[in-house]
Amino acid sequence: ADKLGKEDDAPLADWIDVGVLDDKGVPIFLEKRKFEKEENEITVVVDRLPAKAGIDPLNKLIDRRPKDNAVKVEKV
């Protein structure tokens, strides 16, 4: 956003945390990955039951909607 608050899209080329959290919010898996496009598919294997997974799950980055960074993991 500029000094008047006008927002523009910026090219995506950032290293962002990818994480899997347990039911207490403790990371089971946390690793930086480089993102260069909006849609990505990531597969990780963990050794404990996950509760949530997502990008920037610990909300380190400035974000207007931080609650959408991680989603509930459902057993299939």
C-alpha atoms as a PDB file:
ATOM      1  CA  ALA A   1       0.000   0.000   0.000  1.00  0.00           C
ATOM      2  CA  ASP A   2       1.182   3.527  -0.671  1.00  0.00           C
ATOM      3  CA  LYS A   3       1.112   6.398   1.843  1.00  0.00           C
ATOM      4  CA  LEU A   4      -2.541   7.115   0.990  1.00  0.00           C
ATOM      5  CA  GLY A   5      -3.587   3.494   1.523  1.00  0.00           C
ATOM      6  CA  LYS A   6      -4.009   2.568  -2.162  1.00  0.00           C
ATOM      7  CA  GLU A   7      -3.173  -1.118  -2.536  1.00  0.00           C
ATOM      8  CA  ASP A   8      -1.565  -2.753  -5.555  1.00  0.00           C
ATOM      9  CA  ASP A   9      -0.588  -6.357  -6.195  1.00  0.00           C
ATOM     10  CA  ALA A  10       3.115  -7.104  -5.922  1.00  0.00           C
ATOM     11  CA  PRO A  11       4.902  -9.999  -7.617  1.00  0.00           C
ATOM     12  CA  LEU A  12       5.166 -13.053  -5.386  1.00  0.00           C
ATOM     13  CA  ALA A  13       8.729 -14.263  -4.791  1.00  0.00           C
ATOM     14  CA  ASP A  14       9.060 -14.803  -1.052  1.00  0.00           C
ATOM     15  CA  TRP A  15      10.310 -17.415   1.388  1.00  0.00           C
ATOM     16  CA  ILE A  16       7.363 -18.175   3.682  1.00  0.00           C
ATOM     17  CA  ASP A  17       6.969 -20.669   6.532  1.00  0.00           C
ATOM     18  CA  VAL A  18       4.935 -23.789   5.763  1.00  0.00           C
ATOM     19  CA  GLY A  19       3.743 -25.516   8.888  1.00  0.00           C
ATOM     20  CA  VAL A  20       1.723 -28.246  10.500  1.00  0.00           C
ATOM     21  CA  LEU A  21       0.520 -27.671  14.070  1.00  0.00           C
ATOM     22  CA  ASP A  22      -0.747 -30.019  16.759  1.00  0.00           C
ATOM     23  CA  ASP A  23      -3.932 -29.407  18.785  1.00  0.00           C
ATOM     24  CA  LYS A  24      -2.023 -27.083  21.160  1.00  0.00           C
ATOM     25  CA  GLY A  25      -0.667 -24.919  18.309  1.00  0.00           C
ATOM     26  CA  VAL A  26       2.847 -26.343  18.615  1.00  0.00           C
ATOM     27  CA  PRO A  27       4.608 -26.878  15.265  1.00  0.00           C
ATOM     28  CA  ILE A  28       5.051 -30.512  14.255  1.00  0.00           C
ATOM     29  CA  PHE A  29       6.621 -29.375  10.968  1.00  0.00           C
ATOM     30  CA  LEU A  30       7.890 -25.887  10.112  1.00  0.00           C
ATOM     31  CA  GLU A  31      10.001 -25.082   7.069  1.00  0.00           C
ATOM     32  CA  LYS A  32      10.555 -22.075   4.808  1.00  0.00           C
ATOM     33  CA  ARG A  33       9.563 -22.582   1.171  1.00  0.00           C
ATOM     34  CA  LYS A  34       9.879 -20.176  -1.753  1.00  0.00           C
ATOM     35  CA  PHE A  35       6.564 -19.153  -3.268  1.00  0.00           C
ATOM     36  CA  GLU A  36       6.483 -17.630  -6.746  1.00  0.00           C
ATOM     37  CA  LYS A  37       2.855 -18.286  -7.722  1.00  0.00           C
ATOM     38  CA  GLU A  38      -0.444 -17.917  -5.897  1.00  0.00           C
ATOM     39  CA  GLU A  39      -1.513 -21.571  -6.022  1.00  0.00           C
ATOM     40  CA  ASN A  40       0.795 -24.300  -4.733  1.00  0.00           C
ATOM     41  CA  GLU A  41       0.439 -27.890  -3.579  1.00  0.00           C
ATOM     42  CA  ILE A  42       2.619 -29.109  -0.729  1.00  0.00           C
ATOM     43  CA  THR A  43       2.771 -32.564   0.818  1.00  0.00           C
ATOM     44  CA  VAL A  44       4.509 -33.275   4.130  1.00  0.00           C
ATOM     45  CA  VAL A  45       4.642 -36.324   6.368  1.00  0.00           C
ATOM     46  CA  VAL A  46       4.507 -35.875  10.137  1.00  0.00           C
ATOM     47  CA  ASP A  47       4.944 -38.321  13.007  1.00  0.00           C
ATOM     48  CA  ARG A  48       2.061 -37.055  15.185  1.00  0.00           C
ATOM     49  CA  LEU A  49      -1.600 -36.287  14.681  1.00  0.00           C
ATOM     50  CA  PRO A  50      -1.907 -32.828  13.061  1.00  0.00           C
ATOM     51  CA  ALA A  51      -4.656 -30.328  13.870  1.00  0.00           C
ATOM     52  CA  LYS A  52      -3.914 -27.463  11.447  1.00  0.00           C
ATOM     53  CA  ALA A  53      -1.693 -26.844   8.435  1.00  0.00           C
ATOM     54  CA  GLY A  54      -0.927 -23.866   6.258  1.00  0.00           C
ATOM     55  CA  ILE A  55       1.433 -21.110   5.199  1.00  0.00           C
ATOM     56  CA  ASP A  56       2.743 -18.637   7.759  1.00  0.00           C
ATOM     57  CA  PRO A  57       0.857 -20.581  10.462  1.00  0.00           C
ATOM     58  CA  LEU A  58       2.578 -18.651  13.270  1.00  0.00           C
ATOM     59  CA  ASN A  59       1.536 -15.297  11.704  1.00  0.00           C
ATOM     60  CA  LYS A  60       5.020 -13.807  11.418  1.00  0.00           C
ATOM     61  CA  LEU A  61       4.127 -11.765   8.313  1.00  0.00           C
ATOM     62  CA  ILE A  62       1.983  -8.635   8.168  1.00  0.00           C
ATOM     63  CA  ASP A  63      -1.438  -9.857   7.064  1.00  0.00           C
ATOM     64  CA  ARG A  64      -4.905  -8.287   6.954  1.00  0.00           C
ATOM     65  CA  ARG A  65      -6.532 -11.745   7.313  1.00  0.00           C
ATOM     66  CA  PRO A  66      -4.234 -13.832   9.539  1.00  0.00           C
ATOM     67  CA  LYS A  67      -6.976 -16.304  10.493  1.00  0.00           C
ATOM     68  CA  ASP A  68      -6.980 -17.816   6.975  1.00  0.00           C
ATOM     69  CA  ASN A  69      -3.299 -18.854   7.038  1.00  0.00           C
ATOM     70  CA  ALA A  70      -3.929 -22.318   8.488  1.00  0.00           C
ATOM     71  CA  VAL A  71      -6.851 -24.677   8.050  1.00  0.00           C
ATOM     72  CA  LYS A  72      -8.100 -27.587  10.127  1.00  0.00           C
ATOM     73  CA  VAL A  73      -6.672 -30.952   9.075  1.00  0.00           C
ATOM     74  CA  GLU A  74      -9.380 -33.535   8.574  1.00  0.00           C
ATOM     75  CA  LYS A  75      -8.806 -37.268   8.722  1.00  0.00           C
ATOM     76  CA  VAL A  76      -9.579 -38.930   5.390  1.00  0.00           C
END
